[in-house]
Amino acid sequence: MPAILDLPAGQALEFELAAIASFEQIIRRLHADRYRSVQRARALATEAAGVTASSTARDRDMATRSFVAELATTLGQHEASAARLVAEAERLTGPRVATLDALDAGEVAPTQVHSVLELTRGAPAEVADAVERVALDAASAAVADGVVSTNADVRRRMRRVRERLLPEPLVDRRTRAAADRRMCVEAAPDGMAWLSLFLEAERAFAIERRLDVLASREASDDHRTSAQRATDLAADLLLSGTLLDDARTRDAVAGPTGAVRPRLNVTVPVLTLLGLDDEPADLEGYGPIDAETARIIAAHAPSMRRILVHPETGATLGYGREHYRAPADLDGFVRVRDGQCRFPGCNRRAERADLDHTRAWAHGGETCAANLAVLCRHHHRLKHEAGWRVALEANGIMRWTSPAGHVLRTVPERRFEPVGVGEGVHPPDSADPPDPAASVDLELGESPGSDLEPAPF
């Protein structure tokens, strides 16, 4: 790479580092401006929604939810990220405005701002101010005296001040924090995923220690690394372990192996299922998985739902005005087709969401695949209560219009093109191969009347 202005390497390096520092200052100032703009936009959205000081808490909450959705779709972010940004902007333009000013001056980085917000959350005002002062003093020292403090170092000092000054005992705070314990799954490339648990620290470290001990029992013919053994043990214990003192777990046990039946939806191209092709299958909530894994899953699936594009369909796709609630086959078809909530940017899985009549049943909408879509409960409410409008377009596309007038479109995860029963069916002696567009949806889980064994994973 040629040096800038043909300077010697040392001087060119100094030039580049100065440029990087200048860019960082600009980035910090832009972050501060964004927080202020978000807070102004929220106030304007509240005013546009007609929310006043006399409005109910429900109206205020719905206006905030609608603005978060508006911001998320504007930025192309998940609503959880937009909600965090809105909450941060409210605090940084309010009680933590000194931190915002330091960010604007380039004295603190966004990572340090997040540390201040995290460690002052929920603290009494005087404690929060003292914790914030630790970060601001460290920033001032860095500017005045060139004292470098990493975010990790500043966090440690902030935590010490926080623990010393908080009047509420740690045991009470831990009990409250433990109420937020949860599990989450994050998709990763190449057919993999991350499984995370947020739980009490002593249980987390005890789990790690136990897995380390179990994984250290290496067999002579076991060529796995200790990390691989620990991961496999954790998966085996979660999928096949039982709680002997818990009747609910015992009742869910499948046979003598003690494995709880998993319930998954996997959409497999029919030629892949027959071993005539290696087209990837689709694991609900994740995405493409390899053909061999799909065939292994299919071999152990206790039930299958057939959704064939050609030459036949076993699903009933329309019930007109005879039924409000979608029957099981129509419900299953729409959920497999949509895959997840059809609101822009939402990825809540279809199995955890509602079926919504796009054109309301009360206004003449039919119970059919063309008028049904998956919406999570949150966005179901936004559609009906917060001024978001939706219309259907060709090929299953849904056109959303936000309260601010932004137009966004979503498409179904799988664009099934249904045909009528018997349409395009070949004669019995036809030698034509199965249509590669056909798919089979495998449902892993308990299936009444099925004599197939459950999947062993």
Protein backbone atom coordinates (compact mmCIF):
# COMPACT_ATOMS: atom_id res chain seq x y z
CA MET A 1 0.00 0.00 0.00
CA PRO A 2 1.58 3.36 -1.00
CA ALA A 3 2.28 5.79 1.81
CA ILE A 4 0.12 8.92 2.05
CA LEU A 5 1.78 11.82 0.18
CA ASP A 6 4.85 9.62 -0.25
CA LEU A 7 5.75 10.14 3.42
CA PRO A 8 8.12 7.80 5.23
CA ALA A 9 6.32 4.88 6.89
CA GLY A 10 6.59 6.36 10.39
CA GLN A 11 5.10 9.72 9.41
CA ALA A 12 2.42 8.08 7.25
CA LEU A 13 1.43 5.92 10.22
CA GLU A 14 1.16 9.00 12.42
CA PHE A 15 -1.05 10.62 9.77
CA GLU A 16 -3.35 7.59 9.58
CA LEU A 17 -3.70 7.32 13.37
CA ALA A 18 -4.61 11.00 13.56
CA ALA A 19 -7.22 10.46 10.85
CA ILE A 20 -8.66 7.50 12.75
CA ALA A 21 -8.88 9.61 15.91
CA SER A 22 -10.69 12.34 13.98
CA PHE A 23 -13.15 9.84 12.52
CA GLU A 24 -13.82 8.50 16.02
CA GLN A 25 -14.64 11.99 17.28
CA ILE A 26 -17.08 12.47 14.41
CA ILE A 27 -18.70 9.09 15.09
CA ARG A 28 -19.18 9.95 18.77
CA ARG A 29 -20.73 13.30 17.92
CA LEU A 30 -23.06 11.62 15.42
CA HIS A 31 -24.13 9.10 18.07
CA ALA A 32 -25.02 11.98 20.38
CA ASP A 33 -26.98 13.74 17.64
CA ARG A 34 -28.84 10.51 16.89
CA TYR A 35 -29.96 10.13 20.51
CA ARG A 36 -31.28 13.70 20.55
CA SER A 37 -33.07 13.18 17.23
CA VAL A 38 -34.68 9.95 18.44
CA GLN A 39 -36.05 11.69 21.50
CA ARG A 40 -37.44 14.57 19.41
CA ALA A 41 -39.02 12.10 16.97
CA ARG A 42 -40.64 10.22 19.84
CA ALA A 43 -42.19 13.45 21.15
CA LEU A 44 -43.51 14.29 17.68
CA ALA A 45 -44.94 10.80 17.19
CA THR A 46 -46.71 11.06 20.55
CA GLU A 47 -48.18 14.41 19.54
CA ALA A 48 -49.25 13.08 16.13
CA ALA A 49 -50.99 10.15 17.83
CA GLY A 50 -53.06 12.60 19.86
CA VAL A 51 -51.59 11.55 23.21
CA THR A 52 -51.86 14.27 25.86
CA ALA A 53 -51.26 14.57 29.59
CA SER A 54 -54.81 13.33 30.18
CA SER A 55 -54.41 10.21 28.00
CA THR A 56 -54.62 6.77 29.58
CA ALA A 57 -51.57 4.64 30.29
CA ARG A 58 -52.78 2.22 27.62
CA ASP A 59 -52.87 4.98 24.99
CA ARG A 60 -49.38 6.13 25.95
CA ASP A 61 -48.05 2.59 25.82
CA MET A 62 -49.58 1.96 22.40
CA ALA A 63 -48.13 5.22 21.06
CA THR A 64 -44.67 4.18 22.28
CA ARG A 65 -45.01 0.71 20.77
CA SER A 66 -46.10 2.19 17.46
CA PHE A 67 -43.15 4.60 17.43
CA VAL A 68 -40.71 1.78 18.23
CA ALA A 69 -42.11 -0.19 15.27
CA GLU A 70 -41.85 2.92 13.08
CA LEU A 71 -38.22 3.47 14.10
CA ALA A 72 -37.33 -0.20 13.66
CA THR A 73 -38.69 -0.34 10.13
CA THR A 74 -37.03 2.98 9.28
CA LEU A 75 -33.62 1.73 10.43
CA GLY A 76 -34.07 -1.86 9.27
CA GLN A 77 -33.55 -3.11 12.83
CA HIS A 78 -35.28 -5.59 15.09
CA GLU A 79 -37.81 -3.90 17.36
CA ALA A 80 -35.84 -4.96 20.43
CA SER A 81 -32.88 -2.93 19.16
CA ALA A 82 -35.11 0.05 18.36
CA ALA A 83 -36.73 -0.16 21.80
CA ARG A 84 -33.29 -0.08 23.44
CA LEU A 85 -32.36 2.96 21.37
CA VAL A 86 -35.57 4.75 22.40
CA ALA A 87 -35.03 3.92 26.08
CA GLU A 88 -31.39 5.04 25.91
CA ALA A 89 -32.35 8.31 24.22
CA GLU A 90 -34.92 9.04 26.93
CA ARG A 91 -32.37 8.55 29.72
CA LEU A 92 -29.50 10.33 27.95
CA THR A 93 -31.60 13.41 27.28
CA GLY A 94 -32.90 13.25 30.86
CA PRO A 95 -31.04 12.14 34.00
CA ARG A 96 -27.89 11.01 32.15
CA VAL A 97 -27.52 14.13 30.02
CA ALA A 98 -23.96 14.67 31.36
CA THR A 99 -22.94 11.42 29.69
CA LEU A 100 -24.58 12.53 26.45
CA ASP A 101 -22.66 15.81 26.59
CA ALA A 102 -19.41 13.89 27.13
CA LEU A 103 -20.24 11.70 24.14
CA ASP A 104 -20.92 14.80 22.04
CA ALA A 105 -17.55 16.23 23.12
CA GLY A 106 -15.84 13.01 22.12
CA GLU A 107 -14.68 12.26 25.67
CA VAL A 108 -16.48 8.90 26.02
CA ALA A 109 -17.12 6.15 23.50
CA PRO A 110 -20.51 4.50 22.80
CA THR A 111 -19.35 1.40 24.71
CA GLN A 112 -18.74 3.51 27.82
CA VAL A 113 -22.14 5.16 27.37
CA HIS A 114 -23.76 1.72 27.38
CA SER A 115 -21.85 0.82 30.55
CA VAL A 116 -23.10 3.98 32.28
CA LEU A 117 -26.68 3.22 31.23
CA GLU A 118 -26.44 -0.40 32.35
CA LEU A 119 -24.89 0.27 35.76
CA THR A 120 -27.13 3.22 36.64
CA ARG A 121 -30.37 1.51 35.60
CA GLY A 122 -32.76 1.16 38.52
CA ALA A 123 -30.43 2.87 41.00
CA PRO A 124 -31.53 5.79 43.19
CA ALA A 125 -30.65 9.17 41.72
CA GLU A 126 -27.75 9.88 44.07
CA VAL A 127 -26.22 6.44 43.47
CA ALA A 128 -26.67 6.70 39.69
CA ASP A 129 -25.02 10.14 39.70
CA ALA A 130 -22.04 8.80 41.66
CA VAL A 131 -21.64 5.82 39.32
CA GLU A 132 -21.85 8.08 36.28
CA ARG A 133 -19.24 10.41 37.81
CA VAL A 134 -16.70 7.55 37.85
CA ALA A 135 -16.94 7.22 34.07
CA LEU A 136 -16.89 10.97 33.45
CA ASP A 137 -13.89 11.47 35.76
CA ALA A 138 -12.01 8.71 33.94
CA ALA A 139 -12.83 10.40 30.63
CA SER A 140 -11.62 13.78 31.93
CA ALA A 141 -8.38 12.24 33.17
CA ALA A 142 -7.80 10.68 29.77
CA VAL A 143 -8.21 14.09 28.09
CA ALA A 144 -6.21 16.11 30.64
CA ASP A 145 -3.46 13.70 31.66
CA GLY A 146 -3.41 11.07 28.93
CA VAL A 147 -4.43 8.36 31.41
CA VAL A 148 -5.84 5.47 29.38
CA SER A 149 -8.70 3.54 31.00
CA THR A 150 -10.37 0.72 29.11
CA ASN A 151 -14.10 0.22 29.32
CA ALA A 152 -13.54 -2.97 31.35
CA ASP A 153 -11.44 -1.06 33.89
CA VAL A 154 -13.99 1.75 34.20
CA ARG A 155 -16.80 -0.80 34.58
CA ARG A 156 -15.00 -2.45 37.50
CA ARG A 157 -14.67 0.90 39.28
CA MET A 158 -18.28 1.78 38.56
CA ARG A 159 -19.48 -1.55 39.93
CA ARG A 160 -17.51 -1.07 43.15
CA VAL A 161 -19.10 2.35 43.71
CA ARG A 162 -22.53 0.96 42.84
CA GLU A 163 -22.27 -1.95 45.27
CA ARG A 164 -20.98 0.29 48.05
CA LEU A 165 -23.72 2.89 47.72
CA LEU A 166 -26.83 0.90 46.81
CA PRO A 167 -29.10 0.72 49.85
CA GLU A 168 -30.92 -2.43 48.69
CA PRO A 169 -29.19 -5.66 49.76
CA LEU A 170 -27.57 -7.67 46.96
CA VAL A 171 -29.69 -10.73 47.79
CA ASP A 172 -32.88 -8.76 47.07
CA ARG A 173 -31.50 -7.37 43.81
CA ARG A 174 -30.42 -10.85 42.74
CA THR A 175 -33.90 -12.21 43.40
CA ARG A 176 -35.43 -9.52 41.22
CA ALA A 177 -32.86 -9.98 38.45
CA ALA A 178 -33.41 -13.75 38.49
CA ALA A 179 -37.00 -13.14 37.42
CA ASP A 180 -35.60 -12.24 33.98
CA ARG A 181 -33.85 -15.59 33.48
CA ARG A 182 -34.44 -17.00 30.01
CA MET A 183 -33.08 -19.08 27.16
CA CYS A 184 -32.46 -17.93 23.61
CA VAL A 185 -31.32 -19.50 20.34
CA GLU A 186 -29.36 -17.61 17.69
CA ALA A 187 -28.86 -19.06 14.23
CA ALA A 188 -25.27 -19.41 12.97
CA PRO A 189 -23.90 -20.37 9.53
CA ASP A 190 -23.37 -23.90 8.20
CA GLY A 191 -26.29 -25.58 9.95
CA MET A 192 -25.25 -24.49 13.43
CA ALA A 193 -26.77 -22.32 16.17
CA TRP A 194 -25.92 -20.78 19.55
CA LEU A 195 -27.95 -21.81 22.61
CA SER A 196 -27.65 -19.35 25.51
CA LEU A 197 -28.99 -19.33 29.06
CA PHE A 198 -29.34 -16.27 31.26
CA LEU A 199 -29.52 -17.50 34.83
CA GLU A 200 -28.01 -17.12 38.30
CA ALA A 201 -24.21 -16.92 38.24
CA GLU A 202 -23.69 -19.79 40.69
CA ARG A 203 -25.81 -22.14 38.58
CA ALA A 204 -24.07 -21.05 35.37
CA PHE A 205 -20.60 -21.70 36.77
CA ALA A 206 -21.72 -24.96 38.41
CA ILE A 207 -23.02 -26.15 35.02
CA GLU A 208 -19.71 -25.26 33.41
CA ARG A 209 -17.75 -27.10 36.10
CA ARG A 210 -19.93 -30.18 35.88
CA LEU A 211 -19.61 -30.37 32.11
CA ASP A 212 -15.84 -29.94 32.42
CA VAL A 213 -15.68 -32.88 34.85
CA LEU A 214 -17.90 -35.08 32.69
CA ALA A 215 -16.01 -34.15 29.54
CA SER A 216 -12.67 -35.03 31.16
CA ARG A 217 -13.67 -38.71 31.28
CA GLU A 218 -12.06 -39.44 27.96
CA ALA A 219 -12.42 -42.88 26.39
CA SER A 220 -9.57 -44.43 24.46
CA ASP A 221 -11.52 -44.42 21.20
CA ASP A 222 -13.00 -40.93 21.69
CA HIS A 223 -11.24 -38.46 19.41
CA ARG A 224 -13.38 -35.46 20.29
CA THR A 225 -11.88 -32.39 21.94
CA SER A 226 -12.92 -31.55 25.49
CA ALA A 227 -15.00 -28.66 24.16
CA GLN A 228 -16.80 -30.99 21.75
CA ARG A 229 -17.44 -33.56 24.50
CA ALA A 230 -18.80 -30.89 26.87
CA THR A 231 -21.13 -29.56 24.17
CA ASP A 232 -22.39 -33.03 23.25
CA LEU A 233 -22.98 -33.84 26.92
CA ALA A 234 -24.97 -30.64 27.43
CA ALA A 235 -27.12 -31.40 24.38
CA ASP A 236 -27.69 -35.01 25.46
CA LEU A 237 -28.66 -33.98 28.98
CA LEU A 238 -31.09 -31.31 27.76
CA LEU A 239 -32.72 -33.56 25.16
CA SER A 240 -32.76 -36.86 27.03
CA GLY A 241 -32.42 -35.98 30.71
CA THR A 242 -35.35 -36.33 33.12
CA LEU A 243 -36.27 -34.71 36.40
CA LEU A 244 -37.30 -37.68 38.52
CA ASP A 245 -39.02 -35.48 41.10
CA ASP A 246 -41.14 -33.67 38.50
CA ALA A 247 -44.29 -35.48 37.35
CA ARG A 248 -44.69 -33.13 34.37
CA THR A 249 -41.33 -34.18 33.01
CA ARG A 250 -42.00 -37.87 33.64
CA ASP A 251 -45.33 -37.61 31.81
CA ALA A 252 -43.56 -36.08 28.79
CA VAL A 253 -41.04 -38.89 28.58
CA ALA A 254 -41.11 -40.94 25.39
CA GLY A 255 -40.42 -44.58 26.14
CA PRO A 256 -37.58 -46.21 28.04
CA THR A 257 -34.90 -43.91 26.61
CA GLY A 258 -36.22 -40.99 28.65
CA ALA A 259 -36.18 -38.66 25.63
CA VAL A 260 -38.76 -35.88 25.57
CA ARG A 261 -40.33 -35.66 22.14
CA PRO A 262 -39.11 -32.59 20.27
CA ARG A 263 -41.53 -30.85 17.94
CA LEU A 264 -39.96 -29.32 14.84
CA ASN A 265 -41.14 -28.44 11.36
CA VAL A 266 -38.80 -29.32 8.50
CA THR A 267 -39.79 -28.63 4.89
CA VAL A 268 -38.07 -31.06 2.53
CA PRO A 269 -38.16 -31.02 -1.30
CA VAL A 270 -39.68 -34.32 -2.35
CA LEU A 271 -36.72 -35.33 -4.54
CA THR A 272 -34.40 -34.76 -1.59
CA LEU A 273 -36.64 -36.92 0.56
CA LEU A 274 -36.49 -39.70 -2.06
CA GLY A 275 -32.70 -39.44 -2.29
CA LEU A 276 -32.82 -38.28 -5.91
CA ASP A 277 -31.45 -34.81 -5.20
CA ASP A 278 -29.45 -32.96 -2.54
CA GLU A 279 -31.47 -29.75 -2.49
CA PRO A 280 -31.30 -28.35 1.08
CA ALA A 281 -34.32 -28.67 3.35
CA ASP A 282 -35.64 -25.88 5.59
CA LEU A 283 -35.71 -26.09 9.38
CA GLU A 284 -38.41 -23.83 10.81
CA GLY A 285 -36.93 -20.93 12.72
CA TYR A 286 -33.45 -21.54 11.32
CA GLY A 287 -33.25 -21.94 7.55
CA PRO A 288 -31.46 -24.34 5.19
CA ILE A 289 -30.07 -27.62 6.47
CA ASP A 290 -28.24 -30.24 4.42
CA ALA A 291 -30.08 -33.01 2.61
CA GLU A 292 -28.56 -35.87 4.61
CA THR A 293 -29.62 -34.36 7.93
CA ALA A 294 -33.12 -33.80 6.52
CA ARG A 295 -33.38 -37.45 5.47
CA ILE A 296 -32.27 -38.59 8.93
CA ILE A 297 -34.93 -36.38 10.51
CA ALA A 298 -37.54 -37.70 8.07
CA ALA A 299 -36.67 -41.30 8.91
CA HIS A 300 -37.61 -40.67 12.55
CA ALA A 301 -40.54 -38.29 12.07
CA PRO A 302 -43.76 -39.69 13.59
CA SER A 303 -45.95 -37.60 11.27
CA MET A 304 -45.80 -35.69 8.00
CA ARG A 305 -47.93 -32.93 6.53
CA ARG A 306 -47.90 -33.05 2.74
CA ILE A 307 -47.97 -29.71 0.89
CA LEU A 308 -47.46 -30.53 -2.76
CA VAL A 309 -47.29 -27.79 -5.36
CA HIS A 310 -47.76 -30.36 -8.11
CA PRO A 311 -49.45 -32.64 -9.04
CA GLU A 312 -51.89 -32.64 -6.07
CA THR A 313 -52.63 -30.91 -2.77
CA GLY A 314 -54.05 -32.47 0.33
CA ALA A 315 -54.71 -29.14 2.08
CA THR A 316 -58.05 -27.37 2.08
CA LEU A 317 -57.15 -23.74 1.52
CA GLY A 318 -60.44 -21.92 1.84
CA TYR A 319 -63.54 -22.06 4.04
CA GLY A 320 -65.28 -18.88 2.84
CA ARG A 321 -67.60 -17.37 5.42
CA GLU A 322 -68.58 -20.67 7.05
CA HIS A 323 -65.91 -20.61 9.78
CA TYR A 324 -64.13 -17.79 11.61
CA ARG A 325 -61.39 -19.96 13.13
CA ALA A 326 -59.15 -21.69 10.60
CA PRO A 327 -59.38 -25.51 10.71
CA ALA A 328 -56.23 -27.48 11.44
CA ASP A 329 -55.11 -28.11 7.85
CA LEU A 330 -55.57 -24.46 6.83
CA ASP A 331 -53.91 -23.27 10.04
CA GLY A 332 -50.93 -25.55 9.39
CA PHE A 333 -50.61 -24.47 5.77
CA VAL A 334 -50.58 -20.74 6.59
CA ARG A 335 -48.02 -21.16 9.39
CA VAL A 336 -45.67 -23.20 7.20
CA ARG A 337 -46.12 -20.76 4.32
CA ASP A 338 -45.45 -17.61 6.37
CA GLY A 339 -42.81 -19.10 8.68
CA GLN A 340 -42.82 -16.11 11.00
CA CYS A 341 -44.75 -12.95 11.86
CA ARG A 342 -45.50 -11.00 8.68
CA PHE A 343 -44.88 -7.58 10.23
CA PRO A 344 -41.79 -5.93 8.69
CA GLY A 345 -38.66 -6.99 10.56
CA CYS A 346 -40.34 -9.32 13.06
CA ASN A 347 -38.93 -12.85 13.32
CA ARG A 348 -41.22 -14.40 15.92
CA ARG A 349 -41.86 -17.94 14.78
CA ALA A 350 -45.26 -18.79 13.36
CA GLU A 351 -46.00 -21.45 15.96
CA ARG A 352 -45.85 -18.77 18.67
CA ALA A 353 -48.07 -16.25 16.86
CA ASP A 354 -51.70 -15.65 15.92
CA LEU A 355 -53.52 -16.15 12.63
CA ASP A 356 -55.06 -12.84 11.56
CA HIS A 357 -57.71 -12.07 8.95
CA THR A 358 -56.02 -9.38 6.85
CA ARG A 359 -59.45 -8.13 5.85
CA ALA A 360 -61.41 -8.37 9.08
CA TRP A 361 -64.03 -11.11 9.36
CA ALA A 362 -66.48 -8.48 10.62
CA HIS A 363 -65.97 -6.53 7.39
CA GLY A 364 -66.52 -9.44 5.02
CA GLY A 365 -63.08 -11.07 5.09
CA GLU A 366 -63.00 -14.82 4.38
CA THR A 367 -61.24 -17.58 6.25
CA CYS A 368 -58.89 -18.65 3.46
CA ALA A 369 -55.18 -18.79 2.80
CA ALA A 370 -55.34 -15.61 0.71
CA ASN A 371 -56.83 -13.64 3.62
CA LEU A 372 -54.93 -15.17 6.55
CA ALA A 373 -51.45 -14.24 7.77
CA VAL A 374 -49.32 -14.93 10.80
CA LEU A 375 -48.96 -12.00 13.22
CA CYS A 376 -47.43 -12.11 16.68
CA ARG A 377 -49.67 -10.81 19.45
CA HIS A 378 -47.76 -7.50 19.68
CA HIS A 379 -48.08 -6.67 15.97
CA HIS A 380 -51.63 -8.03 15.88
CA ARG A 381 -52.48 -5.29 18.38
CA LEU A 382 -50.55 -2.64 16.44
CA LYS A 383 -52.52 -3.50 13.30
CA HIS A 384 -55.83 -3.01 15.06
CA GLU A 385 -55.06 -0.25 17.56
CA ALA A 386 -52.13 1.93 16.44
CA GLY A 387 -52.83 3.16 12.92
CA TRP A 388 -50.77 0.62 10.95
CA ARG A 389 -52.63 -0.33 7.76
CA VAL A 390 -52.12 -3.47 5.71
CA ALA A 391 -53.29 -4.58 2.26
CA LEU A 392 -52.77 -7.73 0.22
CA GLU A 393 -50.92 -7.74 -3.09
CA ALA A 394 -50.20 -10.51 -5.58
CA ASN A 395 -48.11 -13.58 -4.67
CA GLY A 396 -48.82 -13.34 -0.96
CA ILE A 397 -47.15 -9.94 -0.54
CA MET A 398 -48.45 -7.80 2.33
CA ARG A 399 -48.16 -4.03 1.98
CA TRP A 400 -47.88 -2.20 5.30
CA THR A 401 -48.31 1.55 5.72
CA SER A 402 -47.00 3.08 8.93
CA PRO A 403 -48.66 5.99 10.79
CA ALA A 404 -45.92 8.24 9.32
CA GLY A 405 -46.76 7.07 5.79
CA HIS A 406 -43.82 4.72 5.18
CA VAL A 407 -44.76 1.84 2.87
CA LEU A 408 -43.10 -1.52 3.53
CA ARG A 409 -43.73 -4.96 2.07
CA THR A 410 -43.24 -8.48 3.42
CA VAL A 411 -43.32 -11.79 1.58
CA PRO A 412 -44.12 -15.28 2.88
CA GLU A 413 -41.17 -17.45 3.76
CA ARG A 414 -42.34 -20.13 1.31
CA ARG A 415 -44.35 -19.10 -1.73
CA PHE A 416 -46.56 -22.15 -2.15
CA GLU A 417 -48.76 -21.90 -5.23
CA PRO A 418 -51.75 -24.08 -4.36
CA VAL A 419 -53.78 -25.88 -7.01
CA GLY A 420 -57.20 -27.42 -6.73
CA VAL A 421 -57.62 -31.04 -5.76
CA GLY A 422 -57.09 -33.21 -8.84
CA GLU A 423 -55.71 -30.43 -11.01
CA GLY A 424 -52.71 -31.50 -13.05
CA VAL A 425 -52.71 -35.07 -11.74
CA HIS A 426 -50.92 -37.46 -14.08
CA PRO A 427 -52.45 -40.81 -15.01
CA PRO A 428 -51.42 -43.67 -12.71
CA ASP A 429 -49.08 -45.16 -15.32
CA SER A 430 -47.26 -41.88 -15.92
CA ALA A 431 -43.50 -42.24 -15.86
CA ASP A 432 -42.91 -38.57 -15.09
CA PRO A 433 -40.72 -38.02 -12.02
CA PRO A 434 -42.03 -36.14 -8.99
CA ASP A 435 -42.05 -32.37 -9.31
CA PRO A 436 -38.93 -30.94 -7.62
CA ALA A 437 -41.03 -28.02 -6.38
CA ALA A 438 -43.08 -30.34 -4.21
CA SER A 439 -42.33 -30.33 -0.53
CA VAL A 440 -43.12 -32.39 2.52
CA ASP A 441 -43.42 -30.76 5.92
CA LEU A 442 -42.15 -33.06 8.65
CA GLU A 443 -43.54 -32.56 12.10
CA LEU A 444 -41.33 -34.02 14.80
CA GLY A 445 -43.31 -34.70 17.90
CA GLU A 446 -46.14 -36.75 19.28
CA SER A 447 -48.64 -37.85 16.67
CA PRO A 448 -51.72 -39.73 17.89
CA GLY A 449 -52.08 -43.03 16.14
CA SER A 450 -48.58 -43.03 14.73
CA ASP A 451 -46.56 -46.22 15.17
CA LEU A 452 -43.28 -44.56 14.23
CA GLU A 453 -40.58 -44.02 16.84
CA PRO A 454 -39.82 -40.42 17.90
CA ALA A 455 -36.66 -38.75 16.71
CA PRO A 456 -33.69 -39.55 18.99
CA PHE A 457 -32.48 -35.95 19.26
